[in-house]
Amino acid sequence: MSSLLDTLRQIVGAPHVLTEGDLSAWEQDWRRRRQGKALAVVRPGSTQEVAAVVRACATTGTPIVPQGGNTSLSVGSTPDASGRELVLSLTRMNAVRALDTANLTLTAEAGCLLHQVQEAAQQAGLLFPLSLAAEGSCTLGGNLGTNAGGTQVLRYGNARELCLGLEVVTAQGEVWDGLRGLRKDNTGYDLRDLFIGSEGTLGIITAATVKLYPEPAARLTAWAAVPSMEQAVALLGLAHQFLGAGLTGFEVMGQFALSLVGKHLQQLRVPFLGEASAPWCVLLENADSESEAHARTRFEALLEAALDAGCVVDAVVAENLAQAQQLWQVRESIPLAQSEEGLNIKHDISVPISRIPAFVAHTDALLQRSLPGVRLVNFGHLGDGNLHYNVQAPADGDAKAFLHTQEAHVNALVYEAVAQFGGSFSAEHGVGALKVAELQRYQSPVALGLMRAIKQALDPQQLLNPGRVLGA
């Protein structure tokens, strides 16, 4: 392998081939579930260098793990422990190549942090609406590789819907330039959609052309206390009716999830915390293209109708941007507060919105019968049917031991319930290495066969992110 490393140093420069020292930033996953060992961490600075690195690895049969911000929650971007896999870090490729205000598009390299893409759009008076809690750390290439979701999917769609074109290095080291910012292009198979969501197993995304939108004239944010999950779904229906396309965010949070924020992040004010009449809270956002007065009128009409219908027990509307940001900070701090409480079992699931109340009631009862005292940290993007249905050890239990001894059992209970209610065990986090067995169990044999055929056709040496998604 020394000859390969020498070749890689010639391609990207010796300072960008890392083999010694502390490589944990690349070798350990975001949740600290896995610690791998890389043959080397290689940091190319251009698409041509990526292609040359891939060709060199193809010649020697060296597996490649593409990596952006290494924020995967499914162990999708860290190497295994074999010491054979090369980590290909794209963070040096972080340029915004073009911004076309007339076409409402932006072209950026895969290593651009998501917040950098957002800021570049904002400086032009435009909006790139993909928004995640990790936007200061995750990269555009990783967002597209996992088809990231976030808080505005119900209005703008997943990363897939926000992308018009890609530049991709294939497993053979060729470059496909598909960066045309076209909204209509029916010239054969849609290769763009094939690579988006493939988690680096079919090709390496090096740049993308994404959609931009006009900045809304006004944004209003409200926090509503609701008496049940059924009423939260009813409130969502009213929000669609009153706000239409202006509804950009609809997040649900259980009281226990919020209590963890109140306990571990006491500097944050959590509205309606601990109110028995409001076991759930909803965070709504309305983006209006006309004016703040118009937005506030529609918002107030919605909340009045919701109060009359019994969907809402109480509500507060942010008076300014600072208050709105504080409300969003509470929502986005739930994962941090949960980690402060101790190790936990995370689930990223989706269920048809109409079936979510029945799913939650059924699965809550199932887990409580099987594991008395277990605590459920349920929150997420109700507007698009995506829940982060997490399971915490009993209050007097050993969180680490609970995770070690009960994770497989809890996962089986939750995922069987998800399947029973017509849902998916992975909504926005991807499969990675963590959920390979679940994909084999819950995906249809026909679909798996098609996926394997695509993988074999595009990566016959099985060198791109091996062991992820489809497994070995």
Protein backbone atom coordinates (compact mmCIF):
# COMPACT_ATOMS: atom_id res chain seq x y z
CA MET A 1 0.00 0.00 0.00
CA SER A 2 2.99 2.31 0.30
CA SER A 3 3.04 2.75 -3.48
CA LEU A 4 -0.65 3.72 -3.43
CA LEU A 5 -0.02 6.27 -0.69
CA ASP A 6 2.91 7.68 -2.68
CA THR A 7 0.61 8.00 -5.72
CA LEU A 8 -2.06 9.73 -3.63
CA ARG A 9 0.51 12.19 -2.26
CA GLN A 10 1.47 13.06 -5.82
CA ILE A 11 -2.18 13.64 -6.70
CA VAL A 12 -3.36 15.80 -3.78
CA GLY A 13 -0.10 16.83 -2.10
CA ALA A 14 1.57 15.17 0.86
CA PRO A 15 -0.06 17.43 3.51
CA HIS A 16 -3.48 16.16 2.38
CA VAL A 17 -2.77 12.44 2.84
CA LEU A 18 -3.13 11.80 6.56
CA THR A 19 -1.96 8.51 8.06
CA GLU A 20 -0.67 9.42 11.51
CA GLY A 21 -1.77 11.37 14.56
CA ASP A 22 -5.29 11.79 15.87
CA LEU A 23 -7.67 10.93 13.03
CA SER A 24 -10.75 10.50 15.23
CA ALA A 25 -12.52 13.39 13.48
CA TRP A 26 -12.68 11.14 10.40
CA GLU A 27 -12.60 7.68 11.98
CA GLN A 28 -15.33 8.03 14.64
CA ASP A 29 -18.97 8.48 13.77
CA TRP A 30 -21.05 11.50 14.88
CA ARG A 31 -22.90 9.60 17.64
CA ARG A 32 -19.70 7.87 18.83
CA ARG A 33 -21.22 4.48 18.17
CA ARG A 34 -18.35 3.19 16.03
CA GLN A 35 -14.60 3.75 15.96
CA GLY A 36 -12.93 2.78 12.69
CA LYS A 37 -9.41 2.68 11.34
CA ALA A 38 -8.62 4.27 7.98
CA LEU A 39 -5.83 3.30 5.63
CA ALA A 40 -5.47 7.06 5.14
CA VAL A 41 -7.55 10.22 5.06
CA VAL A 42 -7.20 11.86 1.66
CA ARG A 43 -8.36 15.45 1.13
CA PRO A 44 -8.59 16.34 -2.59
CA GLY A 45 -9.01 19.96 -3.62
CA SER A 46 -10.75 19.54 -6.97
CA THR A 47 -12.99 17.21 -8.95
CA GLN A 48 -10.04 16.20 -11.09
CA GLU A 49 -8.12 15.18 -7.98
CA VAL A 50 -11.11 13.15 -6.74
CA ALA A 51 -11.24 11.35 -10.08
CA ALA A 52 -7.49 10.63 -10.00
CA VAL A 53 -7.73 9.29 -6.43
CA VAL A 54 -10.61 6.99 -7.41
CA ARG A 55 -8.69 5.69 -10.42
CA ALA A 56 -5.66 4.93 -8.24
CA CYS A 57 -7.84 3.08 -5.74
CA ALA A 58 -9.61 1.16 -8.49
CA THR A 59 -6.23 -0.05 -9.75
CA THR A 60 -5.29 -1.44 -6.33
CA GLY A 61 -8.79 -2.56 -5.29
CA THR A 62 -8.83 -0.17 -2.32
CA PRO A 63 -12.25 0.59 -0.81
CA ILE A 64 -13.26 4.26 -0.54
CA VAL A 65 -15.48 5.89 2.10
CA PRO A 66 -16.64 9.30 0.83
CA GLN A 67 -17.07 11.78 3.68
CA GLY A 68 -18.37 15.31 4.08
CA GLY A 69 -18.98 16.68 7.57
CA ASN A 70 -19.09 13.17 9.08
CA THR A 71 -22.47 13.96 10.65
CA SER A 72 -24.18 10.72 9.60
CA LEU A 73 -26.51 9.34 12.27
CA SER A 74 -26.47 5.87 10.69
CA VAL A 75 -22.69 5.24 10.57
CA GLY A 76 -22.68 5.92 6.85
CA SER A 77 -19.46 7.89 6.44
CA THR A 78 -16.82 6.43 8.74
CA PRO A 79 -14.43 3.58 7.90
CA ASP A 80 -14.65 0.10 9.38
CA ALA A 81 -11.97 -1.26 11.71
CA SER A 82 -10.03 -3.18 9.04
CA GLY A 83 -7.53 -0.44 8.21
CA ARG A 84 -8.12 -1.12 4.50
CA GLU A 85 -10.66 1.60 3.70
CA LEU A 86 -9.55 5.01 2.49
CA VAL A 87 -11.53 8.01 3.76
CA LEU A 88 -12.06 10.52 0.96
CA SER A 89 -12.82 13.81 2.72
CA LEU A 90 -14.37 16.47 0.47
CA THR A 91 -14.20 19.38 2.92
CA ARG A 92 -11.49 21.22 0.94
CA MET A 93 -13.91 21.42 -1.99
CA ASN A 94 -16.03 24.20 -0.52
CA ALA A 95 -16.42 26.82 -3.24
CA VAL A 96 -19.65 28.37 -4.45
CA ARG A 97 -19.04 28.17 -8.17
CA ALA A 98 -21.99 30.15 -9.51
CA LEU A 99 -25.19 31.92 -8.49
CA ASP A 100 -27.78 32.63 -11.18
CA THR A 101 -30.44 34.99 -9.83
CA ALA A 102 -32.52 34.89 -13.01
CA ASN A 103 -32.58 31.09 -13.05
CA LEU A 104 -32.89 30.93 -9.25
CA THR A 105 -30.03 28.45 -8.92
CA LEU A 106 -26.76 28.11 -7.05
CA THR A 107 -23.90 25.76 -7.91
CA ALA A 108 -21.61 24.74 -5.08
CA GLU A 109 -19.03 22.09 -4.37
CA ALA A 110 -19.84 19.09 -2.21
CA GLY A 111 -17.70 20.22 0.73
CA CYS A 112 -19.62 23.47 1.26
CA LEU A 113 -21.20 23.56 4.69
CA LEU A 114 -24.97 23.83 4.48
CA HIS A 115 -25.00 27.16 6.30
CA GLN A 116 -22.50 28.53 3.75
CA VAL A 117 -24.92 27.67 0.95
CA GLN A 118 -27.75 29.31 2.90
CA GLU A 119 -25.66 32.44 3.47
CA ALA A 120 -24.60 32.70 -0.18
CA ALA A 121 -28.26 32.60 -1.20
CA GLN A 122 -29.22 35.12 1.49
CA GLN A 123 -26.56 37.58 0.35
CA ALA A 124 -28.29 37.58 -3.04
CA GLY A 125 -31.66 38.21 -1.40
CA LEU A 126 -32.75 34.62 -1.98
CA LEU A 127 -33.50 31.51 0.06
CA PHE A 128 -32.05 28.01 0.06
CA PRO A 129 -34.63 26.31 2.29
CA LEU A 130 -32.88 23.12 3.39
CA SER A 131 -32.53 23.55 7.16
CA LEU A 132 -31.09 21.07 9.67
CA ALA A 133 -29.89 21.26 13.25
CA ALA A 134 -26.40 20.25 12.01
CA GLU A 135 -26.28 22.91 9.26
CA GLY A 136 -23.10 24.40 10.72
CA SER A 137 -21.31 21.05 10.35
CA CYS A 138 -22.96 19.02 7.57
CA THR A 139 -22.01 19.49 3.93
CA LEU A 140 -24.03 19.83 0.75
CA GLY A 141 -22.62 16.60 -0.69
CA GLY A 142 -23.61 14.68 2.42
CA ASN A 143 -27.06 16.27 2.42
CA LEU A 144 -27.61 15.05 -1.12
CA GLY A 145 -25.96 11.69 -0.55
CA THR A 146 -28.48 10.98 2.21
CA ASN A 147 -31.41 12.91 0.70
CA ALA A 148 -31.60 15.00 3.88
CA GLY A 149 -34.92 16.29 5.14
CA GLY A 150 -35.07 18.84 7.94
CA THR A 151 -37.70 21.25 9.16
CA GLN A 152 -39.18 22.63 5.90
CA VAL A 153 -39.86 19.46 3.92
CA LEU A 154 -43.64 19.92 3.87
CA ARG A 155 -43.18 23.17 1.88
CA TYR A 156 -40.00 22.64 -0.14
CA GLY A 157 -39.35 18.90 -0.13
CA ASN A 158 -36.28 16.83 0.73
CA ALA A 159 -32.81 17.54 -0.66
CA ARG A 160 -33.80 15.58 -3.78
CA GLU A 161 -36.53 18.09 -4.63
CA LEU A 162 -34.10 20.98 -4.16
CA CYS A 163 -31.45 19.68 -6.56
CA LEU A 164 -31.45 20.29 -10.32
CA GLY A 165 -28.07 18.86 -11.28
CA LEU A 166 -25.01 17.02 -10.06
CA GLU A 167 -21.35 16.54 -10.82
CA VAL A 168 -20.32 12.99 -9.91
CA VAL A 169 -17.12 10.95 -10.02
CA THR A 170 -17.94 7.37 -10.92
CA ALA A 171 -16.42 4.23 -9.43
CA GLN A 172 -14.13 4.06 -12.47
CA GLY A 173 -12.82 7.60 -11.91
CA GLU A 174 -14.77 9.23 -14.72
CA VAL A 175 -16.53 12.57 -14.26
CA TRP A 176 -20.20 13.03 -15.10
CA ASP A 177 -21.03 16.72 -15.46
CA GLY A 178 -24.77 17.09 -15.01
CA LEU A 179 -24.77 20.58 -13.52
CA ARG A 180 -27.22 22.16 -15.96
CA GLY A 181 -29.79 24.09 -13.95
CA LEU A 182 -32.76 22.79 -15.90
CA ARG A 183 -36.18 22.21 -14.41
CA LYS A 184 -37.25 20.17 -17.44
CA ASP A 185 -34.88 17.65 -18.99
CA ASN A 186 -36.33 14.37 -20.26
CA THR A 187 -33.26 12.98 -21.99
CA GLY A 188 -33.08 9.43 -20.73
CA TYR A 189 -32.78 8.01 -17.24
CA ASP A 190 -32.63 10.50 -14.38
CA LEU A 191 -29.08 9.90 -13.18
CA ARG A 192 -29.34 12.76 -10.72
CA ASP A 193 -32.04 11.00 -8.71
CA LEU A 194 -30.06 7.77 -8.84
CA PHE A 195 -27.07 9.28 -7.01
CA ILE A 196 -29.10 11.37 -4.56
CA GLY A 197 -29.81 9.23 -1.51
CA SER A 198 -27.35 6.50 -2.53
CA GLU A 199 -25.06 7.36 0.43
CA GLY A 200 -21.88 7.33 -1.64
CA THR A 201 -22.32 3.72 -2.76
CA LEU A 202 -22.84 4.45 -6.47
CA GLY A 203 -20.68 7.51 -7.11
CA ILE A 204 -19.06 10.46 -5.36
CA ILE A 205 -20.96 13.73 -5.57
CA THR A 206 -18.47 16.57 -6.05
CA ALA A 207 -20.79 19.51 -6.85
CA ALA A 208 -24.48 20.31 -7.21
CA THR A 209 -26.80 22.89 -8.72
CA VAL A 210 -29.66 23.61 -6.32
CA LYS A 211 -32.89 25.58 -6.44
CA LEU A 212 -33.27 28.96 -4.79
CA TYR A 213 -36.47 30.77 -3.83
CA PRO A 214 -37.42 34.39 -3.18
CA GLU A 215 -37.05 35.36 0.45
CA PRO A 216 -40.49 35.53 2.09
CA ALA A 217 -41.71 38.99 3.01
CA ALA A 218 -42.51 37.82 6.52
CA ARG A 219 -42.11 34.82 8.79
CA LEU A 220 -44.27 34.15 11.81
CA THR A 221 -43.69 31.44 14.39
CA ALA A 222 -46.12 30.09 16.98
CA TRP A 223 -45.92 27.55 19.78
CA ALA A 224 -49.18 25.75 20.53
CA ALA A 225 -50.13 23.43 23.38
CA VAL A 226 -52.33 20.57 22.15
CA PRO A 227 -54.30 17.98 24.13
CA SER A 228 -53.50 14.88 22.07
CA MET A 229 -51.67 13.61 19.02
CA GLU A 230 -55.04 13.33 17.26
CA GLN A 231 -55.56 17.05 17.83
CA ALA A 232 -52.04 17.79 16.61
CA VAL A 233 -52.95 16.11 13.31
CA ALA A 234 -56.23 18.04 13.24
CA LEU A 235 -54.27 21.27 13.79
CA LEU A 236 -52.07 20.37 10.84
CA GLY A 237 -55.17 20.06 8.66
CA LEU A 238 -56.37 23.49 9.76
CA ALA A 239 -52.90 24.93 9.12
CA HIS A 240 -52.99 23.66 5.55
CA GLN A 241 -56.47 25.12 5.14
CA PHE A 242 -55.65 28.58 6.52
CA LEU A 243 -52.00 28.98 5.45
CA GLY A 244 -51.72 26.92 2.27
CA ALA A 245 -48.23 26.95 0.80
CA GLY A 246 -47.19 29.47 3.46
CA LEU A 247 -46.96 26.66 6.03
CA THR A 248 -43.22 25.94 6.11
CA GLY A 249 -42.75 24.26 9.49
CA PHE A 250 -44.87 21.97 11.67
CA GLU A 251 -42.96 20.26 14.47
CA VAL A 252 -44.44 18.15 17.28
CA MET A 253 -42.80 17.60 20.68
CA GLY A 254 -43.89 15.43 23.59
CA GLN A 255 -43.80 16.83 27.11
CA PHE A 256 -41.10 14.41 28.25
CA ALA A 257 -38.83 15.50 25.40
CA LEU A 258 -39.40 19.12 26.41
CA SER A 259 -38.83 18.31 30.07
CA LEU A 260 -35.31 17.18 29.19
CA VAL A 261 -34.64 20.58 27.64
CA GLY A 262 -35.97 22.25 30.77
CA LYS A 263 -33.80 20.01 32.95
CA HIS A 264 -30.49 20.12 31.11
CA LEU A 265 -30.65 23.49 29.31
CA GLN A 266 -32.19 25.69 31.95
CA GLN A 267 -31.22 28.89 30.14
CA LEU A 268 -33.93 28.11 27.57
CA ARG A 269 -37.54 29.01 28.28
CA VAL A 270 -39.87 26.17 27.27
CA PRO A 271 -43.47 27.34 26.77
CA PHE A 272 -46.23 25.36 28.51
CA LEU A 273 -43.69 23.04 30.11
CA GLY A 274 -45.30 20.44 32.36
CA GLU A 275 -48.91 21.41 31.65
CA ALA A 276 -51.04 18.30 32.16
CA SER A 277 -53.67 19.51 29.69
CA ALA A 278 -51.05 19.71 26.94
CA PRO A 279 -49.11 16.44 26.59
CA TRP A 280 -47.90 17.68 23.19
CA CYS A 281 -46.68 20.99 21.83
CA VAL A 282 -46.50 22.07 18.21
CA LEU A 283 -44.15 24.60 16.64
CA LEU A 284 -45.61 26.19 13.50
CA GLU A 285 -43.99 28.53 11.00
CA ASN A 286 -45.76 30.58 8.34
CA ALA A 287 -43.77 32.27 5.56
CA ASP A 288 -45.80 34.90 3.72
CA SER A 289 -44.97 36.44 0.35
CA GLU A 290 -47.06 39.60 0.93
CA SER A 291 -46.46 41.28 4.29
CA GLU A 292 -46.16 40.66 8.02
CA ALA A 293 -49.64 42.14 8.56
CA HIS A 294 -51.11 39.70 6.05
CA ALA A 295 -49.23 36.80 7.62
CA ARG A 296 -50.32 37.75 11.15
CA THR A 297 -53.97 38.02 10.10
CA ARG A 298 -53.94 34.53 8.62
CA PHE A 299 -52.02 33.13 11.59
CA GLU A 300 -54.44 34.62 14.11
CA ALA A 301 -57.42 33.27 12.14
CA LEU A 302 -55.83 29.80 12.21
CA LEU A 303 -55.22 29.86 15.96
CA GLU A 304 -58.72 31.17 16.67
CA ALA A 305 -60.24 28.35 14.61
CA ALA A 306 -57.96 25.83 16.33
CA LEU A 307 -58.99 27.05 19.79
CA ASP A 308 -62.67 26.85 18.82
CA ALA A 309 -62.17 23.31 17.49
CA GLY A 310 -60.35 22.17 20.62
CA CYS A 311 -57.14 21.44 18.71
CA VAL A 312 -55.21 23.94 20.80
CA VAL A 313 -55.32 24.55 24.56
CA ASP A 314 -53.14 27.66 24.45
CA ALA A 315 -50.66 29.31 22.09
CA VAL A 316 -48.02 32.02 21.88
CA VAL A 317 -46.94 33.85 18.74
CA ALA A 318 -43.38 35.17 18.48
CA GLU A 319 -43.40 38.97 18.35
CA ASN A 320 -40.06 39.26 16.57
CA LEU A 321 -37.25 37.30 14.97
CA ALA A 322 -35.36 36.88 18.26
CA GLN A 323 -38.38 35.26 19.92
CA ALA A 324 -38.91 33.01 16.91
CA GLN A 325 -35.28 31.88 17.06
CA GLN A 326 -35.67 31.12 20.77
CA LEU A 327 -38.65 28.86 20.04
CA TRP A 328 -36.73 27.04 17.32
CA GLN A 329 -33.74 26.69 19.64
CA VAL A 330 -35.90 24.81 22.13
CA ARG A 331 -37.04 22.41 19.43
CA GLU A 332 -33.54 21.88 18.06
CA SER A 333 -32.06 21.37 21.52
CA ILE A 334 -34.05 18.21 22.24
CA PRO A 335 -31.34 15.85 20.87
CA LEU A 336 -28.67 17.59 22.96
CA ALA A 337 -30.82 17.45 26.08
CA GLN A 338 -31.52 13.77 25.48
CA SER A 339 -27.83 13.00 25.15
CA GLU A 340 -27.25 14.81 28.46
CA GLU A 341 -29.82 12.49 30.05
CA GLY A 342 -27.79 9.46 28.92
CA LEU A 343 -27.36 6.99 26.10
CA ASN A 344 -30.58 6.23 24.26
CA ILE A 345 -32.04 4.24 21.39
CA LYS A 346 -32.81 6.48 18.41
CA HIS A 347 -35.35 5.91 15.66
CA ASP A 348 -35.89 8.00 12.53
CA ILE A 349 -39.22 6.75 11.21
CA SER A 350 -42.01 7.87 8.92
CA VAL A 351 -45.66 6.87 9.03
CA PRO A 352 -48.61 8.21 7.00
CA ILE A 353 -49.71 11.32 8.90
CA SER A 354 -53.27 10.05 9.29
CA ARG A 355 -51.99 6.94 11.09
CA ILE A 356 -49.49 8.60 13.43
CA PRO A 357 -51.86 8.92 16.43
CA ALA A 358 -52.72 5.21 16.30
CA PHE A 359 -49.07 4.27 15.76
CA VAL A 360 -47.93 6.30 18.78
CA ALA A 361 -50.65 4.91 21.06
CA HIS A 362 -49.97 1.34 19.94
CA THR A 363 -46.17 1.53 20.16
CA ASP A 364 -46.09 3.46 23.44
CA ALA A 365 -48.25 0.78 25.06
CA LEU A 366 -46.20 -2.01 23.49
CA LEU A 367 -42.93 -0.67 24.88
CA GLN A 368 -44.37 0.05 28.33
CA ARG A 369 -45.67 -3.52 28.59
CA SER A 370 -42.38 -4.99 27.45
CA LEU A 371 -40.08 -2.62 29.38
CA PRO A 372 -41.92 -1.06 32.34
CA GLY A 373 -40.70 2.42 33.18
CA VAL A 374 -39.12 3.06 29.78
CA ARG A 375 -39.24 6.75 28.80
CA LEU A 376 -40.27 7.86 25.30
CA VAL A 377 -38.67 10.93 23.73
CA ASN A 378 -41.01 11.53 20.82
CA PHE A 379 -40.60 14.61 18.61
CA GLY A 380 -40.16 15.45 14.96
CA HIS A 381 -41.51 16.72 11.69
CA LEU A 382 -45.21 15.89 11.98
CA GLY A 383 -45.92 17.99 8.90
CA ASP A 384 -44.25 15.39 6.68
CA GLY A 385 -44.90 12.29 8.82
CA ASN A 386 -41.36 11.94 10.21
CA LEU A 387 -40.94 11.21 13.92
CA HIS A 388 -37.78 10.83 15.97
CA TYR A 389 -39.26 8.17 18.21
CA ASN A 390 -36.48 7.68 20.72
CA VAL A 391 -36.36 5.41 23.75
CA GLN A 392 -34.65 6.32 27.02
CA ALA A 393 -33.87 3.90 29.85
CA PRO A 394 -36.04 3.96 32.99
CA ALA A 395 -35.14 6.83 35.30
CA ASP A 396 -33.49 4.55 37.84
CA GLY A 397 -31.76 2.35 35.25
CA ASP A 398 -28.27 2.17 33.80
CA ALA A 399 -28.51 3.93 30.42
CA LYS A 400 -25.40 2.27 28.99
CA ALA A 401 -26.50 -1.21 30.06
CA PHE A 402 -30.01 -0.52 28.74
CA LEU A 403 -28.63 0.40 25.33
CA HIS A 404 -26.38 -2.66 25.24
CA THR A 405 -28.97 -5.20 26.34
CA GLN A 406 -32.22 -3.80 24.94
CA GLU A 407 -31.41 -2.02 21.67
CA ALA A 408 -32.08 -5.00 19.39
CA HIS A 409 -35.32 -5.82 21.23
CA VAL A 410 -36.56 -2.22 21.18
CA ASN A 411 -35.67 -1.81 17.51
CA ALA A 412 -37.58 -4.98 16.63
CA LEU A 413 -40.69 -3.79 18.47
CA VAL A 414 -40.60 -0.31 16.97
CA TYR A 415 -39.79 -1.34 13.41
CA GLU A 416 -42.43 -4.07 13.37
CA ALA A 417 -44.98 -1.47 14.49
CA VAL A 418 -43.76 0.95 11.82
CA ALA A 419 -44.21 -1.73 9.16
CA GLN A 420 -47.66 -2.61 10.52
CA PHE A 421 -48.75 1.02 10.12
CA GLY A 422 -47.35 1.31 6.57
CA GLY A 423 -44.25 3.32 7.42
CA SER A 424 -40.49 3.34 6.89
CA PHE A 425 -37.75 2.59 9.43
CA SER A 426 -35.56 5.32 7.90
CA ALA A 427 -37.13 8.66 7.04
CA GLU A 428 -34.20 11.05 6.63
CA HIS A 429 -31.07 9.62 8.27
CA GLY A 430 -30.37 6.92 5.70
CA VAL A 431 -29.38 3.27 6.11
CA GLY A 432 -25.59 3.55 6.46
CA ALA A 433 -23.97 0.61 8.22
CA LEU A 434 -26.33 0.76 11.20
CA LYS A 435 -29.56 -0.32 9.48
CA VAL A 436 -28.38 -2.78 6.83
CA ALA A 437 -30.21 -5.69 8.47
CA GLU A 438 -33.44 -3.67 8.61
CA LEU A 439 -33.22 -2.91 4.90
CA GLN A 440 -32.88 -6.62 4.16
CA ARG A 441 -35.88 -7.40 6.37
CA TYR A 442 -38.33 -4.67 5.41
CA GLN A 443 -37.52 -3.88 1.78
CA SER A 444 -39.14 -6.10 -0.84
CA PRO A 445 -37.05 -8.79 -2.56
CA VAL A 446 -37.80 -7.19 -5.93
CA ALA A 447 -36.55 -3.80 -4.77
CA LEU A 448 -33.43 -5.33 -3.23
CA GLY A 449 -32.71 -7.18 -6.45
CA LEU A 450 -32.98 -3.98 -8.46
CA MET A 451 -30.72 -2.15 -6.01
CA ARG A 452 -28.07 -4.86 -6.20
CA ALA A 453 -28.22 -4.82 -9.99
CA ILE A 454 -27.66 -1.05 -10.02
CA LYS A 455 -24.78 -1.35 -7.57
CA GLN A 456 -23.16 -4.10 -9.62
CA ALA A 457 -23.53 -2.12 -12.84
CA LEU A 458 -22.07 1.12 -11.47
CA ASP A 459 -19.53 -0.26 -8.99
CA PRO A 460 -18.60 -3.79 -10.08
CA GLN A 461 -15.52 -3.85 -7.83
CA GLN A 462 -17.71 -2.94 -4.83
CA LEU A 463 -15.24 -0.24 -3.76
CA LEU A 464 -17.55 2.69 -2.98
CA ASN A 465 -18.66 2.80 0.67
CA PRO A 466 -18.70 -1.01 0.96
CA GLY A 467 -20.90 -2.52 3.67
CA ARG A 468 -23.23 0.46 3.73
CA VAL A 469 -26.88 0.36 2.60
CA LEU A 470 -26.88 -3.08 0.92
CA GLY A 471 -24.23 -4.62 3.16
CA ALA A 472 -21.48 -6.97 2.01
